[in-house]
Amino acid sequence: MSDGFIEVVAAVVLRPQGVLLCQRPDGPHLPLMWEFPGGKIDHGESPEQALERELREELGVGSSIGRQITQVEHHYPEKNVRIRFFVADIEGEPRAVVHRQLRWIELAELDRYHVPPANRAVIDLVRRGGLD
């Protein structure tokens, strides 16, 4: 944690069938919400290294991390997070290792999914085609 924020990375993975979202498990923080895959940056990792590790751990896939598209700071009642969102390509088909389920969601359908507040601006960016 630096300056009171938990440092997090997340991947925006786009394929012709849509964008990949993962449903969180039932638990204390944001249960059953849909989010971009990713997680905390460990001490000594670059954001890109952390995201490669998280995608391997969470989805069982290798990855190629592209450019950072945005950074979001969000204050939840119990913690503050700073999330760096990157465009990423993954190798093979992801599987739900830690999530309840994964879905490739068509851009027009994104608004139907309940996402954490910290992901909302990125959903809007993706829907508008703002990744180019």
N, C-alpha and C. Protein backbone atom coordinates (compact mmCIF):
# COMPACT_ATOMS: atom_id res chain seq x y z
N MET A 1 0.86 -1.17 0.00
CA MET A 1 0.00 0.00 0.00
C MET A 1 0.91 1.23 0.00
N SER A 2 0.58 2.18 -0.85
CA SER A 2 1.33 3.43 -0.86
C SER A 2 0.33 4.57 -0.74
N ASP A 3 0.66 5.57 0.03
CA ASP A 3 -0.19 6.75 0.30
C ASP A 3 -1.64 6.39 0.62
N GLY A 4 -1.81 5.26 1.32
CA GLY A 4 -3.15 4.87 1.74
C GLY A 4 -3.96 4.10 0.71
N PHE A 5 -3.40 3.87 -0.46
CA PHE A 5 -4.10 3.15 -1.52
C PHE A 5 -3.53 1.76 -1.71
N ILE A 6 -4.40 0.80 -1.94
CA ILE A 6 -3.98 -0.53 -2.36
C ILE A 6 -3.78 -0.46 -3.87
N GLU A 7 -2.60 -0.85 -4.33
CA GLU A 7 -2.27 -0.79 -5.76
C GLU A 7 -2.75 -2.06 -6.45
N VAL A 8 -3.57 -1.87 -7.48
CA VAL A 8 -4.22 -2.98 -8.18
C VAL A 8 -4.05 -2.79 -9.68
N VAL A 9 -4.04 -3.91 -10.41
CA VAL A 9 -4.02 -3.87 -11.87
C VAL A 9 -5.19 -4.70 -12.39
N ALA A 10 -5.68 -4.34 -13.57
CA ALA A 10 -6.78 -5.09 -14.19
C ALA A 10 -6.59 -5.09 -15.70
N ALA A 11 -7.09 -6.16 -16.33
CA ALA A 11 -6.94 -6.34 -17.78
C ALA A 11 -8.27 -6.15 -18.49
N VAL A 12 -8.21 -5.39 -19.57
CA VAL A 12 -9.35 -5.29 -20.49
C VAL A 12 -8.98 -6.18 -21.68
N VAL A 13 -9.66 -7.32 -21.78
CA VAL A 13 -9.39 -8.32 -22.82
C VAL A 13 -10.56 -8.30 -23.79
N LEU A 14 -10.28 -7.90 -25.02
CA LEU A 14 -11.31 -7.83 -26.05
C LEU A 14 -11.07 -8.89 -27.11
N ARG A 15 -12.13 -9.55 -27.50
CA ARG A 15 -12.12 -10.49 -28.63
C ARG A 15 -13.35 -10.18 -29.46
N PRO A 16 -13.44 -10.76 -30.66
CA PRO A 16 -14.63 -10.48 -31.48
C PRO A 16 -15.95 -10.75 -30.76
N GLN A 17 -15.98 -11.72 -29.85
CA GLN A 17 -17.23 -12.04 -29.14
C GLN A 17 -17.52 -11.10 -27.99
N GLY A 18 -16.60 -10.19 -27.66
CA GLY A 18 -16.87 -9.22 -26.61
C GLY A 18 -15.69 -9.02 -25.68
N VAL A 19 -16.00 -8.46 -24.51
CA VAL A 19 -14.99 -8.18 -23.49
C VAL A 19 -15.16 -9.20 -22.36
N LEU A 20 -14.03 -9.60 -21.78
CA LEU A 20 -14.06 -10.61 -20.73
C LEU A 20 -14.35 -9.96 -19.37
N LEU A 21 -15.40 -10.43 -18.71
CA LEU A 21 -15.69 -10.03 -17.33
C LEU A 21 -15.77 -11.29 -16.47
N CYS A 22 -15.42 -11.14 -15.21
CA CYS A 22 -15.38 -12.25 -14.26
C CYS A 22 -16.32 -11.93 -13.10
N GLN A 23 -17.09 -12.93 -12.69
CA GLN A 23 -17.99 -12.71 -11.55
C GLN A 23 -17.28 -13.08 -10.25
N ARG A 24 -17.25 -12.11 -9.34
CA ARG A 24 -16.62 -12.31 -8.04
C ARG A 24 -17.35 -13.40 -7.26
N PRO A 25 -16.61 -14.09 -6.39
CA PRO A 25 -17.29 -15.08 -5.53
C PRO A 25 -18.17 -14.38 -4.50
N ASP A 26 -19.01 -15.16 -3.88
CA ASP A 26 -19.83 -14.64 -2.79
C ASP A 26 -18.90 -14.45 -1.59
N GLY A 27 -18.81 -13.24 -1.08
CA GLY A 27 -17.90 -12.96 0.02
C GLY A 27 -18.13 -11.58 0.56
N PRO A 28 -17.25 -11.11 1.43
CA PRO A 28 -17.49 -9.84 2.11
C PRO A 28 -17.33 -8.60 1.23
N HIS A 29 -16.45 -8.64 0.22
CA HIS A 29 -16.19 -7.44 -0.58
C HIS A 29 -16.75 -7.61 -1.99
N LEU A 30 -17.73 -6.81 -2.33
CA LEU A 30 -18.33 -6.78 -3.67
C LEU A 30 -18.80 -8.15 -4.16
N PRO A 31 -19.60 -8.86 -3.36
CA PRO A 31 -20.01 -10.21 -3.74
C PRO A 31 -20.81 -10.24 -5.03
N LEU A 32 -20.44 -11.20 -5.88
CA LEU A 32 -21.14 -11.54 -7.12
C LEU A 32 -21.13 -10.43 -8.18
N MET A 33 -20.37 -9.38 -7.97
CA MET A 33 -20.27 -8.35 -9.01
C MET A 33 -19.36 -8.84 -10.13
N TRP A 34 -19.50 -8.21 -11.28
CA TRP A 34 -18.71 -8.55 -12.46
C TRP A 34 -17.58 -7.53 -12.59
N GLU A 35 -16.37 -8.03 -12.87
CA GLU A 35 -15.21 -7.14 -12.91
C GLU A 35 -14.23 -7.60 -13.98
N PHE A 36 -13.29 -6.72 -14.29
CA PHE A 36 -12.18 -7.09 -15.15
C PHE A 36 -11.21 -7.94 -14.33
N PRO A 37 -10.58 -8.94 -14.94
CA PRO A 37 -9.64 -9.76 -14.19
C PRO A 37 -8.40 -8.97 -13.77
N GLY A 38 -7.84 -9.33 -12.63
CA GLY A 38 -6.64 -8.66 -12.14
C GLY A 38 -6.53 -8.83 -10.64
N GLY A 39 -5.68 -8.01 -10.03
CA GLY A 39 -5.50 -8.10 -8.59
C GLY A 39 -4.41 -7.19 -8.10
N LYS A 40 -4.00 -7.43 -6.87
CA LYS A 40 -3.03 -6.56 -6.20
C LYS A 40 -1.63 -6.73 -6.78
N ILE A 41 -0.89 -5.63 -6.75
CA ILE A 41 0.53 -5.65 -7.12
C ILE A 41 1.32 -6.06 -5.88
N ASP A 42 2.12 -7.12 -6.02
CA ASP A 42 2.98 -7.56 -4.92
C ASP A 42 4.23 -6.70 -4.86
N HIS A 43 4.83 -6.63 -3.68
CA HIS A 43 6.05 -5.86 -3.48
C HIS A 43 7.12 -6.31 -4.48
N GLY A 44 7.73 -5.35 -5.16
CA GLY A 44 8.80 -5.63 -6.10
C GLY A 44 8.34 -5.93 -7.52
N GLU A 45 7.04 -6.03 -7.76
CA GLU A 45 6.52 -6.29 -9.10
C GLU A 45 6.23 -4.99 -9.83
N SER A 46 6.43 -5.00 -11.12
CA SER A 46 5.92 -3.90 -11.94
C SER A 46 4.43 -4.17 -12.15
N PRO A 47 3.66 -3.15 -12.53
CA PRO A 47 2.24 -3.40 -12.81
C PRO A 47 2.04 -4.48 -13.88
N GLU A 48 2.87 -4.46 -14.91
CA GLU A 48 2.73 -5.44 -15.98
C GLU A 48 3.03 -6.86 -15.48
N GLN A 49 4.08 -7.01 -14.66
CA GLN A 49 4.40 -8.33 -14.09
C GLN A 49 3.26 -8.82 -13.20
N ALA A 50 2.70 -7.91 -12.40
CA ALA A 50 1.59 -8.29 -11.53
C ALA A 50 0.40 -8.77 -12.34
N LEU A 51 0.10 -8.07 -13.43
CA LEU A 51 -1.06 -8.45 -14.23
C LEU A 51 -0.83 -9.79 -14.92
N GLU A 52 0.37 -10.03 -15.43
CA GLU A 52 0.66 -11.34 -16.02
C GLU A 52 0.47 -12.45 -14.98
N ARG A 53 0.97 -12.24 -13.77
CA ARG A 53 0.82 -13.22 -12.69
C ARG A 53 -0.65 -13.44 -12.34
N GLU A 54 -1.39 -12.34 -12.18
CA GLU A 54 -2.81 -12.45 -11.82
C GLU A 54 -3.61 -13.19 -12.88
N LEU A 55 -3.35 -12.92 -14.16
CA LEU A 55 -4.08 -13.60 -15.22
C LEU A 55 -3.75 -15.10 -15.24
N ARG A 56 -2.51 -15.43 -14.95
CA ARG A 56 -2.11 -16.84 -14.86
C ARG A 56 -2.82 -17.50 -13.68
N GLU A 57 -2.83 -16.83 -12.52
CA GLU A 57 -3.46 -17.40 -11.32
C GLU A 57 -4.98 -17.45 -11.40
N GLU A 58 -5.59 -16.38 -11.90
CA GLU A 58 -7.06 -16.27 -11.90
C GLU A 58 -7.73 -16.98 -13.07
N LEU A 59 -7.05 -16.98 -14.24
CA LEU A 59 -7.68 -17.49 -15.45
C LEU A 59 -6.98 -18.71 -16.04
N GLY A 60 -5.78 -19.02 -15.54
CA GLY A 60 -5.02 -20.15 -16.06
C GLY A 60 -4.49 -19.92 -17.47
N VAL A 61 -4.17 -18.66 -17.80
CA VAL A 61 -3.71 -18.34 -19.15
C VAL A 61 -2.42 -17.51 -19.11
N GLY A 62 -1.65 -17.62 -20.19
CA GLY A 62 -0.54 -16.70 -20.41
C GLY A 62 -1.11 -15.42 -20.99
N SER A 63 -0.30 -14.37 -20.99
CA SER A 63 -0.83 -13.10 -21.48
C SER A 63 0.27 -12.22 -22.06
N SER A 64 -0.18 -11.26 -22.82
CA SER A 64 0.67 -10.21 -23.34
C SER A 64 0.01 -8.89 -22.92
N ILE A 65 0.73 -8.12 -22.11
CA ILE A 65 0.16 -6.90 -21.55
C ILE A 65 0.50 -5.72 -22.45
N GLY A 66 -0.54 -5.00 -22.84
CA GLY A 66 -0.37 -3.83 -23.70
C GLY A 66 -0.29 -2.55 -22.88
N ARG A 67 -0.77 -1.49 -23.47
CA ARG A 67 -0.64 -0.17 -22.83
C ARG A 67 -1.68 0.03 -21.72
N GLN A 68 -1.31 0.89 -20.79
CA GLN A 68 -2.25 1.28 -19.75
C GLN A 68 -3.24 2.25 -20.37
N ILE A 69 -4.54 2.00 -20.16
CA ILE A 69 -5.55 2.87 -20.77
C ILE A 69 -6.11 3.90 -19.81
N THR A 70 -6.07 3.60 -18.52
CA THR A 70 -6.54 4.57 -17.54
C THR A 70 -6.14 4.11 -16.14
N GLN A 71 -6.29 5.02 -15.21
CA GLN A 71 -6.08 4.72 -13.79
C GLN A 71 -7.26 5.28 -13.03
N VAL A 72 -7.79 4.50 -12.10
CA VAL A 72 -8.97 4.90 -11.33
C VAL A 72 -8.64 4.78 -9.85
N GLU A 73 -8.96 5.81 -9.09
CA GLU A 73 -8.87 5.74 -7.63
C GLU A 73 -10.28 5.71 -7.09
N HIS A 74 -10.50 4.78 -6.17
CA HIS A 74 -11.85 4.67 -5.61
C HIS A 74 -11.75 4.44 -4.10
N HIS A 75 -12.66 5.08 -3.38
CA HIS A 75 -12.71 4.97 -1.92
C HIS A 75 -13.92 4.13 -1.53
N TYR A 76 -13.65 2.88 -1.15
CA TYR A 76 -14.69 2.04 -0.58
C TYR A 76 -14.71 2.30 0.92
N PRO A 77 -15.79 1.97 1.60
CA PRO A 77 -15.83 2.23 3.06
C PRO A 77 -14.67 1.57 3.81
N GLU A 78 -14.25 0.39 3.37
CA GLU A 78 -13.23 -0.35 4.12
C GLU A 78 -11.82 -0.20 3.56
N LYS A 79 -11.67 0.37 2.35
CA LYS A 79 -10.33 0.51 1.76
C LYS A 79 -10.36 1.46 0.57
N ASN A 80 -9.15 1.92 0.23
CA ASN A 80 -8.96 2.76 -0.95
C ASN A 80 -8.13 1.98 -1.96
N VAL A 81 -8.58 1.99 -3.21
CA VAL A 81 -7.85 1.28 -4.26
C VAL A 81 -7.46 2.23 -5.39
N ARG A 82 -6.31 1.95 -5.96
CA ARG A 82 -5.87 2.62 -7.18
C ARG A 82 -5.68 1.51 -8.20
N ILE A 83 -6.51 1.52 -9.23
CA ILE A 83 -6.49 0.46 -10.23
C ILE A 83 -5.95 1.00 -11.55
N ARG A 84 -4.93 0.33 -12.05
CA ARG A 84 -4.39 0.64 -13.38
C ARG A 84 -4.97 -0.39 -14.34
N PHE A 85 -5.66 0.09 -15.36
CA PHE A 85 -6.28 -0.78 -16.35
C PHE A 85 -5.40 -0.83 -17.60
N PHE A 86 -5.11 -2.04 -18.06
CA PHE A 86 -4.29 -2.27 -19.24
C PHE A 86 -5.09 -3.05 -20.27
N VAL A 87 -4.79 -2.79 -21.54
CA VAL A 87 -5.27 -3.66 -22.61
C VAL A 87 -4.39 -4.91 -22.55
N ALA A 88 -4.98 -6.08 -22.68
CA ALA A 88 -4.21 -7.31 -22.64
C ALA A 88 -4.77 -8.34 -23.62
N ASP A 89 -3.88 -9.17 -24.11
CA ASP A 89 -4.26 -10.34 -24.91
C ASP A 89 -3.95 -11.56 -24.06
N ILE A 90 -4.82 -12.56 -24.14
CA ILE A 90 -4.56 -13.79 -23.41
C ILE A 90 -4.41 -14.93 -24.40
N GLU A 91 -3.67 -15.95 -23.97
CA GLU A 91 -3.42 -17.12 -24.80
C GLU A 91 -4.35 -18.24 -24.38
N GLY A 92 -5.15 -18.72 -25.32
CA GLY A 92 -6.06 -19.82 -25.02
C GLY A 92 -7.36 -19.35 -24.40
N GLU A 93 -8.11 -20.31 -23.91
CA GLU A 93 -9.41 -20.01 -23.31
C GLU A 93 -9.27 -19.91 -21.80
N PRO A 94 -9.73 -18.80 -21.23
CA PRO A 94 -9.64 -18.64 -19.78
C PRO A 94 -10.63 -19.55 -19.07
N ARG A 95 -10.31 -19.88 -17.83
CA ARG A 95 -11.24 -20.65 -17.01
C ARG A 95 -11.37 -19.97 -15.65
N ALA A 96 -12.47 -20.20 -15.00
CA ALA A 96 -12.76 -19.55 -13.72
C ALA A 96 -12.06 -20.30 -12.59
N VAL A 97 -10.83 -19.89 -12.28
CA VAL A 97 -10.07 -20.53 -11.22
C VAL A 97 -10.51 -20.00 -9.86
N VAL A 98 -10.67 -18.69 -9.74
CA VAL A 98 -11.08 -18.08 -8.46
C VAL A 98 -12.44 -17.39 -8.53
N HIS A 99 -12.93 -17.16 -9.72
CA HIS A 99 -14.23 -16.49 -9.89
C HIS A 99 -15.35 -17.52 -9.98
N ARG A 100 -16.57 -17.06 -9.76
CA ARG A 100 -17.74 -17.94 -9.94
C ARG A 100 -17.89 -18.35 -11.39
N GLN A 101 -17.75 -17.37 -12.27
CA GLN A 101 -17.87 -17.65 -13.70
C GLN A 101 -17.22 -16.53 -14.50
N LEU A 102 -16.97 -16.83 -15.77
CA LEU A 102 -16.42 -15.86 -16.72
C LEU A 102 -17.41 -15.74 -17.87
N ARG A 103 -17.43 -14.56 -18.49
CA ARG A 103 -18.27 -14.38 -19.68
C ARG A 103 -17.61 -13.42 -20.65
N TRP A 104 -17.76 -13.74 -21.92
CA TRP A 104 -17.43 -12.79 -22.98
C TRP A 104 -18.72 -12.02 -23.24
N ILE A 105 -18.69 -10.72 -23.01
CA ILE A 105 -19.91 -9.92 -23.05
C ILE A 105 -19.85 -8.94 -24.21
N GLU A 106 -20.88 -8.98 -25.04
CA GLU A 106 -20.96 -8.04 -26.16
C GLU A 106 -21.01 -6.62 -25.60
N LEU A 107 -20.37 -5.69 -26.29
CA LEU A 107 -20.28 -4.31 -25.81
C LEU A 107 -21.66 -3.71 -25.55
N ALA A 108 -22.62 -4.03 -26.41
CA ALA A 108 -23.98 -3.49 -26.24
C ALA A 108 -24.67 -4.03 -24.99
N GLU A 109 -24.18 -5.14 -24.44
CA GLU A 109 -24.79 -5.77 -23.28
C GLU A 109 -24.12 -5.38 -21.96
N LEU A 110 -23.04 -4.63 -21.99
CA LEU A 110 -22.26 -4.34 -20.78
C LEU A 110 -23.07 -3.67 -19.68
N ASP A 111 -24.00 -2.82 -20.04
CA ASP A 111 -24.78 -2.10 -19.03
C ASP A 111 -25.69 -3.02 -18.21
N ARG A 112 -25.89 -4.24 -18.68
CA ARG A 112 -26.76 -5.17 -17.96
C ARG A 112 -26.05 -5.86 -16.80
N TYR A 113 -24.73 -5.64 -16.68
CA TYR A 113 -23.94 -6.32 -15.65
C TYR A 113 -23.61 -5.37 -14.51
N HIS A 114 -23.76 -5.86 -13.29
CA HIS A 114 -23.50 -5.07 -12.09
C HIS A 114 -22.00 -5.11 -11.81
N VAL A 115 -21.33 -3.97 -12.01
CA VAL A 115 -19.88 -3.90 -11.83
C VAL A 115 -19.55 -3.01 -10.63
N PRO A 116 -18.37 -3.22 -10.02
CA PRO A 116 -17.96 -2.35 -8.92
C PRO A 116 -17.83 -0.90 -9.40
N PRO A 117 -18.05 0.05 -8.52
CA PRO A 117 -17.94 1.46 -8.91
C PRO A 117 -16.61 1.81 -9.56
N ALA A 118 -15.53 1.19 -9.11
CA ALA A 118 -14.21 1.50 -9.67
C ALA A 118 -14.07 1.02 -11.11
N ASN A 119 -14.93 0.13 -11.56
CA ASN A 119 -14.89 -0.37 -12.95
C ASN A 119 -15.82 0.38 -13.89
N ARG A 120 -16.75 1.18 -13.36
CA ARG A 120 -17.78 1.81 -14.18
C ARG A 120 -17.21 2.69 -15.29
N ALA A 121 -16.24 3.54 -14.97
CA ALA A 121 -15.67 4.44 -15.98
C ALA A 121 -15.00 3.66 -17.11
N VAL A 122 -14.40 2.53 -16.77
CA VAL A 122 -13.74 1.72 -17.79
C VAL A 122 -14.77 1.01 -18.66
N ILE A 123 -15.86 0.56 -18.07
CA ILE A 123 -16.96 -0.02 -18.86
C ILE A 123 -17.44 1.02 -19.88
N ASP A 124 -17.63 2.25 -19.43
CA ASP A 124 -18.08 3.31 -20.34
C ASP A 124 -17.05 3.56 -21.44
N LEU A 125 -15.77 3.55 -21.10
CA LEU A 125 -14.70 3.75 -22.08
C LEU A 125 -14.70 2.62 -23.12
N VAL A 126 -14.83 1.39 -22.67
CA VAL A 126 -14.85 0.24 -23.57
C VAL A 126 -16.08 0.31 -24.48
N ARG A 127 -17.24 0.61 -23.90
CA ARG A 127 -18.47 0.67 -24.68
C ARG A 127 -18.41 1.72 -25.78
N ARG A 128 -17.75 2.84 -25.48
CA ARG A 128 -17.61 3.91 -26.48
C ARG A 128 -16.52 3.64 -27.50
N GLY A 129 -15.80 2.51 -27.33
CA GLY A 129 -14.73 2.20 -28.26
C GLY A 129 -13.48 3.03 -28.01
N GLY A 130 -13.27 3.44 -26.77
CA GLY A 130 -12.17 4.34 -26.44
C GLY A 130 -10.83 3.67 -26.18
N LEU A 131 -10.62 2.47 -26.70
CA LEU A 131 -9.35 1.78 -26.45
C LEU A 131 -8.36 1.96 -27.58
N ASP A 132 -8.77 2.56 -28.66
CA ASP A 132 -7.86 2.73 -29.80
C ASP A 132 -6.87 3.84 -29.59
